[in-house]
Amino acid sequence: MMPAISLAKNCVLPSLCCVILFASGCSSNTTVAEGRTKPRGRILENGLPIKVDHSQLPPGDPGLQVTFIKIGGVDAGTEYEATITDGTTGSFELIGADGKGIPPGEYRVAVVLAPHGSQDQLKGRFSREKSKIQIEVKPNEDVVIDIAKYK
């Protein structure tokens, strides 16, 4: 039979190690998001929300896809799909694939106005390959893109 003090030491040490490992794991998760931002924005056409024909949309499809493509730096070419929060106003947010935001910097923006898999009503003018929309994403600033300025 083990003495009570020896038994207490054997239980406390593993518990203390678990607490230290857990705490260090939590702190590393917060540093991953440093230097990122979660911008919100809107897609406009001539100063008004982009017109999405909702009559032909399948359930859950906003009829609008917005993709930010990083320009320059070690992550050049990385694509971030915006989450469309309201198709009727062209509103979106960029939370990144891991939910921690995207790096600030220069981006080319692709915009497709169509249900997923359908023909783009913008005729590919703002596709990943052809888009001339280039913006700077800054921390704590909303992004408003009027596609009429890029035609």
Protein backbone atom coordinates (compact mmCIF):
# COMPACT_ATOMS: atom_id res chain seq x y z
CA MET A 1 0.00 0.00 0.00
CA MET A 2 1.31 3.48 -0.98
CA PRO A 3 1.54 6.23 1.56
CA ALA A 4 -1.07 9.01 1.13
CA ILE A 5 1.54 11.70 0.29
CA SER A 6 3.12 9.59 -2.47
CA LEU A 7 -0.32 8.85 -3.92
CA ALA A 8 -1.23 12.57 -3.89
CA LYS A 9 2.01 13.46 -5.75
CA ASN A 10 1.30 10.83 -8.38
CA CYS A 11 -2.20 12.27 -9.03
CA VAL A 12 -1.28 15.97 -8.95
CA LEU A 13 1.66 15.82 -11.36
CA PRO A 14 -0.26 14.29 -14.31
CA SER A 15 -3.17 16.67 -13.71
CA LEU A 16 -0.82 19.66 -13.67
CA CYS A 17 0.78 18.52 -16.93
CA CYS A 18 -2.65 18.25 -18.59
CA VAL A 19 -3.55 21.78 -17.47
CA ILE A 20 -0.26 23.18 -18.83
CA LEU A 21 -0.67 21.37 -22.17
CA PHE A 22 -4.29 22.52 -22.49
CA ALA A 23 -3.39 26.14 -21.71
CA SER A 24 -0.54 26.21 -24.20
CA GLY A 25 -2.80 24.70 -26.87
CA CYS A 26 -5.38 27.42 -26.32
CA SER A 27 -2.87 30.22 -26.58
CA SER A 28 -1.50 28.93 -29.87
CA ASN A 29 -5.03 29.04 -31.39
CA THR A 30 -5.36 32.74 -30.67
CA THR A 31 -2.00 33.59 -32.22
CA VAL A 32 -3.00 31.88 -35.49
CA ALA A 33 -5.67 34.55 -36.03
CA GLU A 34 -3.30 37.47 -35.37
CA GLY A 35 -2.88 39.63 -38.41
CA ARG A 36 -6.18 38.51 -39.93
CA THR A 37 -9.41 40.36 -40.45
CA LYS A 38 -13.03 39.35 -41.05
CA PRO A 39 -14.36 41.99 -43.41
CA ARG A 40 -18.00 42.34 -44.34
CA GLY A 41 -19.07 43.87 -47.58
CA ARG A 42 -21.57 44.34 -50.37
CA ILE A 43 -21.61 43.94 -54.12
CA LEU A 44 -23.33 46.85 -55.85
CA GLU A 45 -24.13 47.78 -59.44
CA ASN A 46 -24.47 51.51 -60.16
CA GLY A 47 -24.68 52.22 -56.43
CA LEU A 48 -27.56 49.80 -55.82
CA PRO A 49 -27.51 46.20 -54.55
CA ILE A 50 -26.73 43.80 -57.39
CA LYS A 51 -29.93 42.32 -58.82
CA VAL A 52 -30.25 38.61 -58.14
CA ASP A 53 -33.15 36.77 -59.76
CA HIS A 54 -34.43 34.75 -56.80
CA SER A 55 -37.27 33.12 -58.74
CA GLN A 56 -35.02 30.39 -60.23
CA LEU A 57 -32.78 29.74 -57.23
CA PRO A 58 -32.61 26.33 -55.58
CA PRO A 59 -33.09 26.36 -51.80
CA GLY A 60 -29.98 27.62 -50.00
CA ASP A 61 -28.36 29.07 -53.15
CA PRO A 62 -27.92 32.87 -52.90
CA GLY A 63 -27.36 33.20 -56.67
CA LEU A 64 -24.14 35.11 -56.07
CA GLN A 65 -20.58 33.91 -55.57
CA VAL A 66 -17.76 36.22 -54.49
CA THR A 67 -14.15 35.02 -54.35
CA PHE A 68 -11.14 37.00 -53.11
CA ILE A 69 -7.81 35.96 -54.67
CA LYS A 70 -4.66 37.11 -52.85
CA ILE A 71 -2.19 39.17 -54.88
CA GLY A 72 1.49 39.13 -53.91
CA GLY A 73 3.29 37.68 -50.92
CA VAL A 74 3.93 34.07 -50.01
CA ASP A 75 0.21 33.32 -50.16
CA ALA A 76 -0.35 34.83 -53.64
CA GLY A 77 -3.10 33.00 -55.51
CA THR A 78 -4.83 31.80 -52.34
CA GLU A 79 -8.59 32.00 -52.80
CA TYR A 80 -11.11 32.92 -50.10
CA GLU A 81 -14.78 32.29 -50.79
CA ALA A 82 -17.08 34.90 -49.28
CA THR A 83 -20.13 33.74 -47.40
CA ILE A 84 -23.20 35.46 -48.87
CA THR A 85 -25.23 36.65 -45.91
CA ASP A 86 -28.04 38.30 -47.90
CA GLY A 87 -28.38 37.79 -51.64
CA THR A 88 -31.00 40.54 -51.96
CA THR A 89 -28.55 43.20 -50.76
CA GLY A 90 -25.37 41.58 -52.12
CA SER A 91 -24.03 41.34 -48.56
CA PHE A 92 -21.18 39.00 -47.70
CA GLU A 93 -18.55 38.30 -45.08
CA LEU A 94 -15.08 36.81 -45.30
CA ILE A 95 -14.31 34.49 -42.45
CA GLY A 96 -11.73 32.27 -44.18
CA ALA A 97 -11.69 28.49 -44.36
CA ASP A 98 -10.75 28.12 -40.69
CA GLY A 99 -13.17 30.80 -39.45
CA LYS A 100 -10.33 33.07 -38.28
CA GLY A 101 -10.47 35.61 -41.09
CA ILE A 102 -8.19 36.42 -44.00
CA PRO A 103 -4.88 38.29 -44.19
CA PRO A 104 -5.16 41.99 -45.01
CA GLY A 105 -3.67 43.00 -48.36
CA GLU A 106 -4.33 43.26 -52.08
CA TYR A 107 -6.94 40.99 -53.69
CA ARG A 108 -8.49 40.43 -57.08
CA VAL A 109 -12.21 39.80 -56.68
CA ALA A 110 -14.23 37.39 -58.82
CA VAL A 111 -18.01 37.82 -58.93
CA VAL A 112 -20.44 35.33 -60.48
CA LEU A 113 -24.14 36.17 -60.66
CA ALA A 114 -25.91 32.84 -61.11
CA PRO A 115 -27.07 29.80 -59.21
CA HIS A 116 -24.20 27.36 -58.61
CA GLY A 117 -23.41 25.53 -61.85
CA SER A 118 -25.49 27.85 -64.06
CA GLN A 119 -24.48 30.40 -66.68
CA ASP A 120 -23.11 33.63 -65.24
CA GLN A 121 -25.46 36.59 -65.88
CA LEU A 122 -22.37 38.83 -65.90
CA LYS A 123 -21.05 36.82 -68.89
CA GLY A 124 -17.74 36.00 -67.17
CA ARG A 125 -16.57 39.64 -67.05
CA PHE A 126 -15.62 39.21 -63.40
CA SER A 127 -14.49 35.57 -63.49
CA ARG A 128 -11.35 34.42 -61.67
CA GLU A 129 -9.40 34.80 -64.92
CA LYS A 130 -10.86 38.08 -66.26
CA SER A 131 -11.86 40.19 -63.25
CA LYS A 132 -10.32 43.66 -63.10
CA ILE A 133 -11.68 44.27 -59.62
CA GLN A 134 -8.67 44.82 -57.41
CA ILE A 135 -9.05 46.09 -53.86
CA GLU A 136 -7.10 46.37 -50.64
CA VAL A 137 -8.57 44.61 -47.63
CA LYS A 138 -7.74 46.54 -44.47
CA PRO A 139 -8.37 45.50 -40.87
CA ASN A 140 -11.67 46.71 -39.42
CA GLU A 141 -12.91 48.17 -42.73
CA ASP A 142 -15.95 47.10 -44.74
CA VAL A 143 -15.56 46.27 -48.43
CA VAL A 144 -17.99 47.81 -50.90
CA ILE A 145 -17.55 46.87 -54.54
CA ASP A 146 -19.56 48.58 -57.28
CA ILE A 147 -19.04 46.40 -60.36
CA ALA A 148 -20.16 49.27 -62.66
CA LYS A 149 -16.78 50.91 -61.98
CA TYR A 150 -14.96 47.91 -63.45
CA LYS A 151 -16.84 47.33 -66.73
